[in-house]
Amino acid sequence: MNADPLKQYLKSEGATLVGVGDVTEALSKEIIHLNRGIAIALNRNLNRETIRLLARLQGLSVAWLSARGYRNLSIPPDSDRQKDKLITRLYKLFCHKTAATCSGLGWVGKNGLLINRQYGSRLSWATVLTNAPLDADEPVRESECGDCVLCVMHCPSGAVKGDHWSISNPRRKLVAYDKCAALKSRRQTLDGKPNCGFCVTVCPYSRNGKREKAGK
């Protein structure tokens, strides 16, 4: 099933990137029937407005799929994990990074973040899982960080280990998140969230990518 009409539709509605991946190998038994992951990205900071826009794009995806008789499940952005939502029980079952790597939109960097060739780690993500037999994009199978160790050198907590991600070993622990969290808890907050971000700002891919201004 040609996925281009859906991709173009979502981009016309404001999505920066849209990809479709075969996520079969990453699914638990609860959602094994939803073997296509639609990765949706916005080139914006993950704040309330961005979450609202991503939710709208997810809603458009759901309407498009439902109109054609296909089942679907929206996985909201990471910062929208409200405890009173039923969907939060499924967060541990699926990761936005999986949909993005399987759809060829990036790889997991040494900093543990999804890195896109054009925008680096400066993208905010949401995912829609579906049983629609959409043509899947070619996945990214290996890290493209190469010999770069800037995020390792500049991480003030020493959390970034410097290991390479691979689609054959997606659960490899690249970052000591306890160290990262401990540092953030001591830093001044930004938009209500603990602030650091060195691993994003020093990344060459992220430096080359330009963030869209809010309201665009």
C-alpha atoms as a PDB file:
ATOM      1  CA  MET A   1       0.000   0.000   0.000  1.00  0.00           C
ATOM      2  CA  ASN A   2       1.528   3.292  -1.118  1.00  0.00           C
ATOM      3  CA  ALA A   3       2.340   5.454   1.914  1.00  0.00           C
ATOM      4  CA  ASP A   4       3.166   8.594  -0.088  1.00  0.00           C
ATOM      5  CA  PRO A   5      -0.360  10.081   0.040  1.00  0.00           C
ATOM      6  CA  LEU A   6      -0.349   9.927   3.842  1.00  0.00           C
ATOM      7  CA  LYS A   7       3.184  11.311   4.085  1.00  0.00           C
ATOM      8  CA  GLN A   8       2.437  14.224   1.776  1.00  0.00           C
ATOM      9  CA  TYR A   9      -0.821  14.928   3.577  1.00  0.00           C
ATOM     10  CA  LEU A  10       0.889  15.158   6.969  1.00  0.00           C
ATOM     11  CA  LYS A  11       3.702  17.313   5.585  1.00  0.00           C
ATOM     12  CA  SER A  12       1.148  19.666   4.059  1.00  0.00           C
ATOM     13  CA  GLU A  13      -0.338  19.976   7.538  1.00  0.00           C
ATOM     14  CA  GLY A  14       2.992  20.948   9.089  1.00  0.00           C
ATOM     15  CA  ALA A  15       5.028  17.794   9.718  1.00  0.00           C
ATOM     16  CA  THR A  16       8.755  18.237   9.125  1.00  0.00           C
ATOM     17  CA  LEU A  17       9.409  14.544   8.487  1.00  0.00           C
ATOM     18  CA  VAL A  18       7.193  11.486   8.101  1.00  0.00           C
ATOM     19  CA  GLY A  19       8.353   7.908   7.666  1.00  0.00           C
ATOM     20  CA  VAL A  20       6.859   4.432   7.763  1.00  0.00           C
ATOM     21  CA  GLY A  21       8.739   1.498   9.258  1.00  0.00           C
ATOM     22  CA  ASP A  22       8.213  -2.221   9.643  1.00  0.00           C
ATOM     23  CA  VAL A  23       8.400  -2.474  13.438  1.00  0.00           C
ATOM     24  CA  THR A  24       7.392  -6.130  13.748  1.00  0.00           C
ATOM     25  CA  GLU A  25      10.519  -7.238  15.624  1.00  0.00           C
ATOM     26  CA  ALA A  26      10.102  -4.504  18.246  1.00  0.00           C
ATOM     27  CA  LEU A  27       6.502  -5.275  19.182  1.00  0.00           C
ATOM     28  CA  SER A  28       5.257  -7.057  22.277  1.00  0.00           C
ATOM     29  CA  LYS A  29       2.389  -9.520  22.139  1.00  0.00           C
ATOM     30  CA  GLU A  30      -0.081  -6.824  23.212  1.00  0.00           C
ATOM     31  CA  ILE A  31       0.417  -4.829  20.008  1.00  0.00           C
ATOM     32  CA  ILE A  32       1.965  -7.369  17.604  1.00  0.00           C
ATOM     33  CA  HIS A  33      -0.876  -6.816  15.126  1.00  0.00           C
ATOM     34  CA  LEU A  34       0.162  -3.172  14.609  1.00  0.00           C
ATOM     35  CA  ASN A  35       3.319  -3.825  12.628  1.00  0.00           C
ATOM     36  CA  ARG A  36       3.732  -0.494  10.863  1.00  0.00           C
ATOM     37  CA  GLY A  37       5.069   2.507  12.717  1.00  0.00           C
ATOM     38  CA  ILE A  38       4.372   5.958  11.311  1.00  0.00           C
ATOM     39  CA  ALA A  39       7.085   8.276  12.635  1.00  0.00           C
ATOM     40  CA  ILE A  40       6.127  11.946  12.723  1.00  0.00           C
ATOM     41  CA  ALA A  41       8.683  14.671  13.499  1.00  0.00           C
ATOM     42  CA  LEU A  42       8.562  18.414  14.043  1.00  0.00           C
ATOM     43  CA  ASN A  43      11.638  20.627  13.906  1.00  0.00           C
ATOM     44  CA  ARG A  44      10.682  22.347  17.146  1.00  0.00           C
ATOM     45  CA  ASN A  45      11.458  22.261  20.852  1.00  0.00           C
ATOM     46  CA  LEU A  46       9.280  19.812  22.742  1.00  0.00           C
ATOM     47  CA  ASN A  47       6.950  22.168  24.593  1.00  0.00           C
ATOM     48  CA  ARG A  48       3.205  22.415  25.038  1.00  0.00           C
ATOM     49  CA  GLU A  49       2.614  23.955  21.617  1.00  0.00           C
ATOM     50  CA  THR A  50       4.735  21.298  19.905  1.00  0.00           C
ATOM     51  CA  ILE A  51       2.887  18.550  21.758  1.00  0.00           C
ATOM     52  CA  ARG A  52      -0.394  20.066  20.597  1.00  0.00           C
ATOM     53  CA  LEU A  53       0.787  20.112  16.983  1.00  0.00           C
ATOM     54  CA  LEU A  54       2.087  16.545  17.152  1.00  0.00           C
ATOM     55  CA  ALA A  55      -1.204  15.399  18.659  1.00  0.00           C
ATOM     56  CA  ARG A  56      -3.050  17.092  15.802  1.00  0.00           C
ATOM     57  CA  LEU A  57      -0.879  15.326  13.225  1.00  0.00           C
ATOM     58  CA  GLN A  58      -1.505  12.037  15.001  1.00  0.00           C
ATOM     59  CA  GLY A  59      -5.218  12.749  14.903  1.00  0.00           C
ATOM     60  CA  LEU A  60      -5.067  13.372  11.166  1.00  0.00           C
ATOM     61  CA  SER A  61      -3.178  10.096  10.716  1.00  0.00           C
ATOM     62  CA  VAL A  62      -5.760   8.218  12.766  1.00  0.00           C
ATOM     63  CA  ALA A  63      -8.621   9.709  10.765  1.00  0.00           C
ATOM     64  CA  TRP A  64      -6.878   8.822   7.481  1.00  0.00           C
ATOM     65  CA  LEU A  65      -6.286   5.224   8.586  1.00  0.00           C
ATOM     66  CA  SER A  66      -9.711   4.754  10.174  1.00  0.00           C
ATOM     67  CA  ALA A  67     -11.455   6.002   7.041  1.00  0.00           C
ATOM     68  CA  ARG A  68      -9.778   3.134   5.202  1.00  0.00           C
ATOM     69  CA  GLY A  69     -10.740   0.556   7.813  1.00  0.00           C
ATOM     70  CA  TYR A  70      -7.383   0.104   9.550  1.00  0.00           C
ATOM     71  CA  ARG A  71      -6.661  -0.147  13.264  1.00  0.00           C
ATOM     72  CA  ASN A  72      -4.234   2.221  14.925  1.00  0.00           C
ATOM     73  CA  LEU A  73      -2.685   3.283  18.211  1.00  0.00           C
ATOM     74  CA  SER A  74      -1.142   6.701  18.881  1.00  0.00           C
ATOM     75  CA  ILE A  75       1.971   6.863  21.066  1.00  0.00           C
ATOM     76  CA  PRO A  76       2.156  10.499  22.300  1.00  0.00           C
ATOM     77  CA  PRO A  77       5.355  12.548  22.627  1.00  0.00           C
ATOM     78  CA  ASP A  78       7.601  11.634  25.553  1.00  0.00           C
ATOM     79  CA  SER A  79       6.766  14.761  27.534  1.00  0.00           C
ATOM     80  CA  ASP A  80       3.028  14.116  27.293  1.00  0.00           C
ATOM     81  CA  ARG A  81       3.069  11.080  29.558  1.00  0.00           C
ATOM     82  CA  GLN A  82       0.201  12.058  31.812  1.00  0.00           C
ATOM     83  CA  LYS A  83      -0.288   9.485  34.554  1.00  0.00           C
ATOM     84  CA  ASP A  84      -4.054   9.489  34.234  1.00  0.00           C
ATOM     85  CA  LYS A  85      -3.980   8.397  30.597  1.00  0.00           C
ATOM     86  CA  LEU A  86      -4.488   4.738  29.728  1.00  0.00           C
ATOM     87  CA  ILE A  87      -1.912   5.033  26.922  1.00  0.00           C
ATOM     88  CA  THR A  88       0.863   5.610  29.490  1.00  0.00           C
ATOM     89  CA  ARG A  89       0.700   1.914  30.364  1.00  0.00           C
ATOM     90  CA  LEU A  90       2.009   1.121  26.890  1.00  0.00           C
ATOM     91  CA  TYR A  91       5.025   3.446  26.870  1.00  0.00           C
ATOM     92  CA  LYS A  92       7.397   0.694  27.921  1.00  0.00           C
ATOM     93  CA  LEU A  93       6.133  -1.429  25.042  1.00  0.00           C
ATOM     94  CA  PHE A  94       7.242   0.893  22.272  1.00  0.00           C
ATOM     95  CA  CYS A  95       9.769   3.694  21.719  1.00  0.00           C
ATOM     96  CA  HIS A  96       9.614   6.581  19.219  1.00  0.00           C
ATOM     97  CA  LYS A  97      13.242   5.880  18.328  1.00  0.00           C
ATOM     98  CA  THR A  98      12.209   2.469  17.003  1.00  0.00           C
ATOM     99  CA  ALA A  99       9.697   3.894  14.539  1.00  0.00           C
ATOM    100  CA  ALA A 100      12.187   6.545  13.434  1.00  0.00           C
ATOM    101  CA  THR A 101      15.105   4.152  12.849  1.00  0.00           C
ATOM    102  CA  CYS A 102      12.883   1.547  11.180  1.00  0.00           C
ATOM    103  CA  SER A 103      11.527   4.200   8.829  1.00  0.00           C
ATOM    104  CA  GLY A 104      14.980   5.448   7.870  1.00  0.00           C
ATOM    105  CA  LEU A 105      14.713   8.851   9.529  1.00  0.00           C
ATOM    106  CA  GLY A 106      17.756   8.498  11.749  1.00  0.00           C
ATOM    107  CA  TRP A 107      19.843   6.441  14.123  1.00  0.00           C
ATOM    108  CA  VAL A 108      20.445   6.441  17.868  1.00  0.00           C
ATOM    109  CA  GLY A 109      23.552   8.474  18.586  1.00  0.00           C
ATOM    110  CA  LYS A 110      26.188   7.948  21.228  1.00  0.00           C
ATOM    111  CA  ASN A 111      24.192  10.447  23.290  1.00  0.00           C
ATOM    112  CA  GLY A 112      21.217   8.063  23.278  1.00  0.00           C
ATOM    113  CA  LEU A 113      19.108  10.456  21.212  1.00  0.00           C
ATOM    114  CA  LEU A 114      17.612   9.976  17.775  1.00  0.00           C
ATOM    115  CA  ILE A 115      19.855  11.724  15.250  1.00  0.00           C
ATOM    116  CA  ASN A 116      18.622  12.742  11.811  1.00  0.00           C
ATOM    117  CA  ARG A 117      21.127  13.581   9.062  1.00  0.00           C
ATOM    118  CA  GLN A 118      19.553  16.981   8.389  1.00  0.00           C
ATOM    119  CA  TYR A 119      18.309  18.075  11.808  1.00  0.00           C
ATOM    120  CA  GLY A 120      20.456  16.168  14.265  1.00  0.00           C
ATOM    121  CA  SER A 121      18.709  15.633  17.603  1.00  0.00           C
ATOM    122  CA  ARG A 122      16.625  18.809  17.272  1.00  0.00           C
ATOM    123  CA  LEU A 123      13.385  17.033  16.403  1.00  0.00           C
ATOM    124  CA  SER A 124      10.321  16.230  18.491  1.00  0.00           C
ATOM    125  CA  TRP A 125       8.647  12.893  17.763  1.00  0.00           C
ATOM    126  CA  ALA A 126       5.321  11.111  17.910  1.00  0.00           C
ATOM    127  CA  THR A 127       4.302   7.709  16.561  1.00  0.00           C
ATOM    128  CA  VAL A 128       1.175   6.065  15.214  1.00  0.00           C
ATOM    129  CA  LEU A 129       1.132   2.264  15.054  1.00  0.00           C
ATOM    130  CA  THR A 130      -1.201   0.623  12.547  1.00  0.00           C
ATOM    131  CA  ASN A 131      -2.060  -2.636  10.822  1.00  0.00           C
ATOM    132  CA  ALA A 132      -2.350  -0.873   7.470  1.00  0.00           C
ATOM    133  CA  PRO A 133      -0.042  -2.684   4.987  1.00  0.00           C
ATOM    134  CA  LEU A 134       1.847   0.492   4.145  1.00  0.00           C
ATOM    135  CA  ASP A 135       5.042   0.207   2.109  1.00  0.00           C
ATOM    136  CA  ALA A 136       7.874   0.463   4.619  1.00  0.00           C
ATOM    137  CA  ASP A 137      10.881   2.721   4.130  1.00  0.00           C
ATOM    138  CA  GLU A 138      14.410   1.345   4.228  1.00  0.00           C
ATOM    139  CA  PRO A 139      15.605   1.355   7.856  1.00  0.00           C
ATOM    140  CA  VAL A 140      18.835   2.842   9.145  1.00  0.00           C
ATOM    141  CA  ARG A 141      20.819  -0.139  10.388  1.00  0.00           C
ATOM    142  CA  GLU A 142      23.990   1.334  11.858  1.00  0.00           C
ATOM    143  CA  SER A 143      25.113   4.467  13.677  1.00  0.00           C
ATOM    144  CA  GLU A 144      26.533   7.262  11.534  1.00  0.00           C
ATOM    145  CA  CYS A 145      28.338   8.955  14.411  1.00  0.00           C
ATOM    146  CA  GLY A 146      31.653   7.556  13.212  1.00  0.00           C
ATOM    147  CA  ASP A 147      34.687   8.525  15.278  1.00  0.00           C
ATOM    148  CA  CYS A 148      33.049  11.669  16.691  1.00  0.00           C
ATOM    149  CA  VAL A 149      33.200  11.763  20.502  1.00  0.00           C
ATOM    150  CA  LEU A 150      32.148  15.356  21.178  1.00  0.00           C
ATOM    151  CA  CYS A 151      29.093  14.330  23.213  1.00  0.00           C
ATOM    152  CA  VAL A 152      31.285  11.979  25.244  1.00  0.00           C
ATOM    153  CA  MET A 153      33.901  14.643  25.907  1.00  0.00           C
ATOM    154  CA  HIS A 154      31.448  17.402  26.811  1.00  0.00           C
ATOM    155  CA  CYS A 155      28.925  15.489  28.908  1.00  0.00           C
ATOM    156  CA  PRO A 156      29.323  17.129  32.352  1.00  0.00           C
ATOM    157  CA  SER A 157      28.002  14.045  34.145  1.00  0.00           C
ATOM    158  CA  GLY A 158      30.127  11.495  32.279  1.00  0.00           C
ATOM    159  CA  ALA A 159      26.944   9.643  31.344  1.00  0.00           C
ATOM    160  CA  VAL A 160      27.691   9.166  27.630  1.00  0.00           C
ATOM    161  CA  LYS A 161      29.746   6.012  27.188  1.00  0.00           C
ATOM    162  CA  GLY A 162      30.766   6.437  23.549  1.00  0.00           C
ATOM    163  CA  ASP A 163      29.355   3.155  22.260  1.00  0.00           C
ATOM    164  CA  HIS A 164      27.780   2.693  18.836  1.00  0.00           C
ATOM    165  CA  TRP A 165      24.116   1.833  18.295  1.00  0.00           C
ATOM    166  CA  SER A 166      23.083  -0.848  15.800  1.00  0.00           C
ATOM    167  CA  ILE A 167      19.657  -2.042  14.723  1.00  0.00           C
ATOM    168  CA  SER A 168      20.868  -5.569  15.504  1.00  0.00           C
ATOM    169  CA  ASN A 169      21.406  -4.564  19.151  1.00  0.00           C
ATOM    170  CA  PRO A 170      18.844  -1.782  19.761  1.00  0.00           C
ATOM    171  CA  ARG A 171      18.701  -2.260  23.545  1.00  0.00           C
ATOM    172  CA  ARG A 172      22.398  -1.639  24.115  1.00  0.00           C
ATOM    173  CA  LYS A 173      22.749   0.859  26.953  1.00  0.00           C
ATOM    174  CA  LEU A 174      24.540   3.884  25.494  1.00  0.00           C
ATOM    175  CA  VAL A 175      24.009   6.345  28.341  1.00  0.00           C
ATOM    176  CA  ALA A 176      24.123   6.036  32.123  1.00  0.00           C
ATOM    177  CA  TYR A 177      20.807   7.773  32.597  1.00  0.00           C
ATOM    178  CA  ASP A 178      21.101   7.793  36.380  1.00  0.00           C
ATOM    179  CA  LYS A 179      24.144  10.072  36.088  1.00  0.00           C
ATOM    180  CA  CYS A 180      22.358  12.253  33.541  1.00  0.00           C
ATOM    181  CA  ALA A 181      19.262  12.566  35.738  1.00  0.00           C
ATOM    182  CA  ALA A 182      21.326  13.360  38.833  1.00  0.00           C
ATOM    183  CA  LEU A 183      23.049  16.240  37.043  1.00  0.00           C
ATOM    184  CA  LYS A 184      19.797  17.627  35.632  1.00  0.00           C
ATOM    185  CA  SER A 185      18.158  17.586  39.048  1.00  0.00           C
ATOM    186  CA  ARG A 186      20.812  20.026  40.275  1.00  0.00           C
ATOM    187  CA  ARG A 187      20.550  22.402  37.309  1.00  0.00           C
ATOM    188  CA  GLN A 188      18.179  25.305  36.757  1.00  0.00           C
ATOM    189  CA  THR A 189      15.014  24.274  34.948  1.00  0.00           C
ATOM    190  CA  LEU A 190      14.022  25.477  31.490  1.00  0.00           C
ATOM    191  CA  ASP A 191      10.331  25.511  30.557  1.00  0.00           C
ATOM    192  CA  GLY A 192       9.680  23.591  33.745  1.00  0.00           C
ATOM    193  CA  LYS A 193      12.142  20.806  32.875  1.00  0.00           C
ATOM    194  CA  PRO A 194      15.675  20.115  34.120  1.00  0.00           C
ATOM    195  CA  ASN A 195      18.155  21.773  31.786  1.00  0.00           C
ATOM    196  CA  CYS A 196      21.385  20.485  30.292  1.00  0.00           C
ATOM    197  CA  GLY A 197      21.495  19.660  26.579  1.00  0.00           C
ATOM    198  CA  PHE A 198      25.256  19.680  25.982  1.00  0.00           C
ATOM    199  CA  CYS A 199      25.017  16.372  24.121  1.00  0.00           C
ATOM    200  CA  VAL A 200      22.623  18.027  21.656  1.00  0.00           C
ATOM    201  CA  THR A 201      24.381  21.347  21.176  1.00  0.00           C
ATOM    202  CA  VAL A 202      27.855  19.863  20.549  1.00  0.00           C
ATOM    203  CA  CYS A 203      26.631  17.312  18.004  1.00  0.00           C
ATOM    204  CA  PRO A 204      27.736  18.335  14.473  1.00  0.00           C
ATOM    205  CA  TYR A 205      24.453  17.114  13.001  1.00  0.00           C
ATOM    206  CA  SER A 206      22.455  19.186  15.492  1.00  0.00           C
ATOM    207  CA  ARG A 207      24.608  22.281  14.946  1.00  0.00           C
ATOM    208  CA  ASN A 208      24.017  22.082  11.200  1.00  0.00           C
ATOM    209  CA  GLY A 209      20.252  21.733  11.614  1.00  0.00           C
ATOM    210  CA  LYS A 210      18.165  24.888  12.073  1.00  0.00           C
ATOM    211  CA  ARG A 211      15.299  24.970  14.523  1.00  0.00           C
ATOM    212  CA  GLU A 212      12.027  26.406  13.296  1.00  0.00           C
ATOM    213  CA  LYS A 213      10.756  29.328  15.336  1.00  0.00           C
ATOM    214  CA  ALA A 214       7.680  28.833  17.474  1.00  0.00           C
ATOM    215  CA  GLY A 215       4.519  29.825  15.691  1.00  0.00           C
ATOM    216  CA  LYS A 216       5.737  28.924  12.208  1.00  0.00           C
END
